[in-house]
Amino acid sequence: MPFFDLATQPTHSIFPGVTITTAWGDRLMLSFVTFDRPEALVPTHQHPHEQMGMGLEGEFELIIADEARLIRAGDSYLIPSNTPHSARSVGGPARALDVFSPPRDDYK
């Protein structure tokens, strides 16, 4: 299927105050991440998937390995496979787009 209606795609609550809406193909996945309140946290974790992303709205602190940055709309990032990382919204709600390769089965 070459087109997706995000309103009909799966949405999952992955942590308190953090939801994702996903769309995927055979080798690639988009994950629209919503932090719906200040200080919503994605705790430190790692996974075998390569992850790239971009801030869409608001601000969130992203820590990749030992490096922290404040991500705003238009900022982009790369998280290599198996690298510890975390994210926390700052000052209010925030949105990001994450791209995973390969797709994450747990997000389908």
C-alpha atoms as a PDB file:
ATOM      1  CA  MET A   1       0.000   0.000   0.000  1.00  0.00           C
ATOM      2  CA  PRO A   2       1.700   3.250  -1.077  1.00  0.00           C
ATOM      3  CA  PHE A   3      -0.443   5.698   0.948  1.00  0.00           C
ATOM      4  CA  PHE A   4      -1.296   5.905   4.641  1.00  0.00           C
ATOM      5  CA  ASP A   5      -4.061   7.705   6.518  1.00  0.00           C
ATOM      6  CA  LEU A   6      -2.362   8.386   9.850  1.00  0.00           C
ATOM      7  CA  ALA A   7      -5.757   8.776  11.527  1.00  0.00           C
ATOM      8  CA  THR A   8      -6.358   5.054  10.918  1.00  0.00           C
ATOM      9  CA  GLN A   9      -2.856   3.813  11.753  1.00  0.00           C
ATOM     10  CA  PRO A  10      -2.095   2.156  15.098  1.00  0.00           C
ATOM     11  CA  THR A  11      -1.484   4.504  18.039  1.00  0.00           C
ATOM     12  CA  HIS A  12       0.197   3.125  21.147  1.00  0.00           C
ATOM     13  CA  SER A  13       0.878   4.591  24.571  1.00  0.00           C
ATOM     14  CA  ILE A  14       4.502   3.634  25.159  1.00  0.00           C
ATOM     15  CA  PHE A  15       5.110   5.540  28.429  1.00  0.00           C
ATOM     16  CA  PRO A  16       2.961   7.862  30.572  1.00  0.00           C
ATOM     17  CA  GLY A  17       2.334  10.979  28.476  1.00  0.00           C
ATOM     18  CA  VAL A  18       4.024   9.531  25.356  1.00  0.00           C
ATOM     19  CA  THR A  19       2.173   8.039  22.381  1.00  0.00           C
ATOM     20  CA  ILE A  20       3.273   6.912  18.924  1.00  0.00           C
ATOM     21  CA  THR A  21       1.428   6.543  15.635  1.00  0.00           C
ATOM     22  CA  THR A  22       3.220   4.323  13.132  1.00  0.00           C
ATOM     23  CA  ALA A  23       3.292   3.441   9.448  1.00  0.00           C
ATOM     24  CA  TRP A  24       5.708   0.936   7.894  1.00  0.00           C
ATOM     25  CA  GLY A  25       6.908  -0.965   4.877  1.00  0.00           C
ATOM     26  CA  ASP A  26       9.161  -3.996   4.593  1.00  0.00           C
ATOM     27  CA  ARG A  27      12.391  -2.242   5.627  1.00  0.00           C
ATOM     28  CA  LEU A  28      11.378   1.148   7.044  1.00  0.00           C
ATOM     29  CA  MET A  29       9.036   2.516   9.744  1.00  0.00           C
ATOM     30  CA  LEU A  30       7.780   6.025  10.534  1.00  0.00           C
ATOM     31  CA  SER A  31       6.823   6.726  14.134  1.00  0.00           C
ATOM     32  CA  PHE A  32       5.139  10.028  15.015  1.00  0.00           C
ATOM     33  CA  VAL A  33       5.911  10.589  18.698  1.00  0.00           C
ATOM     34  CA  THR A  34       3.719  12.842  20.847  1.00  0.00           C
ATOM     35  CA  PHE A  35       4.786  14.037  24.286  1.00  0.00           C
ATOM     36  CA  ASP A  36       1.426  15.296  25.557  1.00  0.00           C
ATOM     37  CA  ARG A  37       2.692  17.117  28.657  1.00  0.00           C
ATOM     38  CA  PRO A  38       5.795  18.733  30.135  1.00  0.00           C
ATOM     39  CA  GLU A  39       8.396  16.332  31.472  1.00  0.00           C
ATOM     40  CA  ALA A  40       6.905  13.299  29.692  1.00  0.00           C
ATOM     41  CA  LEU A  41       9.755  10.789  29.635  1.00  0.00           C
ATOM     42  CA  VAL A  42      11.019   8.030  27.379  1.00  0.00           C
ATOM     43  CA  PRO A  43      13.467   6.353  29.777  1.00  0.00           C
ATOM     44  CA  THR A  44      16.930   5.197  28.739  1.00  0.00           C
ATOM     45  CA  HIS A  45      16.729   2.192  26.456  1.00  0.00           C
ATOM     46  CA  GLN A  46      18.425   0.704  23.415  1.00  0.00           C
ATOM     47  CA  HIS A  47      17.419  -1.520  20.512  1.00  0.00           C
ATOM     48  CA  PRO A  48      19.007  -3.134  17.456  1.00  0.00           C
ATOM     49  CA  HIS A  49      17.181  -0.794  15.060  1.00  0.00           C
ATOM     50  CA  GLU A  50      18.927   2.214  13.554  1.00  0.00           C
ATOM     51  CA  GLN A  51      16.862   5.312  14.353  1.00  0.00           C
ATOM     52  CA  MET A  52      16.829   8.772  12.813  1.00  0.00           C
ATOM     53  CA  GLY A  53      14.458  11.545  13.698  1.00  0.00           C
ATOM     54  CA  MET A  54      13.416  15.162  13.557  1.00  0.00           C
ATOM     55  CA  GLY A  55      11.695  17.531  15.955  1.00  0.00           C
ATOM     56  CA  LEU A  56       8.290  18.682  14.663  1.00  0.00           C
ATOM     57  CA  GLU A  57       6.821  20.835  17.470  1.00  0.00           C
ATOM     58  CA  GLY A  58       7.816  21.994  20.939  1.00  0.00           C
ATOM     59  CA  GLU A  59      11.089  21.010  22.578  1.00  0.00           C
ATOM     60  CA  PHE A  60      12.508  17.841  24.040  1.00  0.00           C
ATOM     61  CA  GLU A  61      15.837  16.903  25.537  1.00  0.00           C
ATOM     62  CA  LEU A  62      17.409  13.948  23.763  1.00  0.00           C
ATOM     63  CA  ILE A  63      20.332  12.087  25.307  1.00  0.00           C
ATOM     64  CA  ILE A  64      22.240   9.757  22.966  1.00  0.00           C
ATOM     65  CA  ALA A  65      24.983   7.812  24.744  1.00  0.00           C
ATOM     66  CA  ASP A  66      26.482  10.571  26.927  1.00  0.00           C
ATOM     67  CA  GLU A  67      25.569  13.567  24.744  1.00  0.00           C
ATOM     68  CA  ALA A  68      22.482  15.703  25.493  1.00  0.00           C
ATOM     69  CA  ARG A  69      20.814  18.194  23.131  1.00  0.00           C
ATOM     70  CA  LEU A  70      17.645  20.242  23.177  1.00  0.00           C
ATOM     71  CA  ILE A  71      15.708  19.301  20.029  1.00  0.00           C
ATOM     72  CA  ARG A  72      13.377  21.866  18.448  1.00  0.00           C
ATOM     73  CA  ALA A  73      11.301  21.833  15.252  1.00  0.00           C
ATOM     74  CA  GLY A  74      13.602  21.145  12.313  1.00  0.00           C
ATOM     75  CA  ASP A  75      16.478  19.649  14.340  1.00  0.00           C
ATOM     76  CA  SER A  76      17.452  16.121  13.325  1.00  0.00           C
ATOM     77  CA  TYR A  77      19.383  13.288  14.952  1.00  0.00           C
ATOM     78  CA  LEU A  78      20.785   9.791  14.415  1.00  0.00           C
ATOM     79  CA  ILE A  79      20.771   7.028  17.009  1.00  0.00           C
ATOM     80  CA  PRO A  80      22.997   4.114  15.953  1.00  0.00           C
ATOM     81  CA  SER A  81      21.931   0.532  16.649  1.00  0.00           C
ATOM     82  CA  ASN A  82      22.261  -0.597  20.277  1.00  0.00           C
ATOM     83  CA  THR A  83      23.075   2.912  21.569  1.00  0.00           C
ATOM     84  CA  PRO A  84      21.458   3.927  24.887  1.00  0.00           C
ATOM     85  CA  HIS A  85      19.178   6.957  24.557  1.00  0.00           C
ATOM     86  CA  SER A  86      16.320   8.784  26.309  1.00  0.00           C
ATOM     87  CA  ALA A  87      14.006  11.732  25.671  1.00  0.00           C
ATOM     88  CA  ARG A  88      12.060  14.160  27.877  1.00  0.00           C
ATOM     89  CA  SER A  89       9.696  16.937  26.815  1.00  0.00           C
ATOM     90  CA  VAL A  90      10.673  20.406  28.015  1.00  0.00           C
ATOM     91  CA  GLY A  91       8.282  23.269  28.750  1.00  0.00           C
ATOM     92  CA  GLY A  92       5.158  21.689  27.303  1.00  0.00           C
ATOM     93  CA  PRO A  93       3.944  19.204  24.695  1.00  0.00           C
ATOM     94  CA  ALA A  94       6.255  18.202  21.843  1.00  0.00           C
ATOM     95  CA  ARG A  95       6.164  16.103  18.660  1.00  0.00           C
ATOM     96  CA  ALA A  96       8.843  14.263  16.728  1.00  0.00           C
ATOM     97  CA  LEU A  97       9.115  11.978  13.740  1.00  0.00           C
ATOM     98  CA  ASP A  98      11.306   8.908  14.220  1.00  0.00           C
ATOM     99  CA  VAL A  99      12.366   6.602  11.401  1.00  0.00           C
ATOM    100  CA  PHE A 100      13.428   3.023  12.152  1.00  0.00           C
ATOM    101  CA  SER A 101      15.211   0.457  10.047  1.00  0.00           C
ATOM    102  CA  PRO A 102      14.244  -2.297  10.128  1.00  0.00           C
ATOM    103  CA  PRO A 103      10.665  -1.711  11.320  1.00  0.00           C
ATOM    104  CA  ARG A 104      10.031  -2.433  15.004  1.00  0.00           C
ATOM    105  CA  ASP A 105       7.619  -5.346  15.438  1.00  0.00           C
ATOM    106  CA  ASP A 106       6.674  -4.053  18.905  1.00  0.00           C
ATOM    107  CA  TYR A 107       5.415  -0.776  17.359  1.00  0.00           C
ATOM    108  CA  LYS A 108       3.164  -2.380  14.706  1.00  0.00           C
END
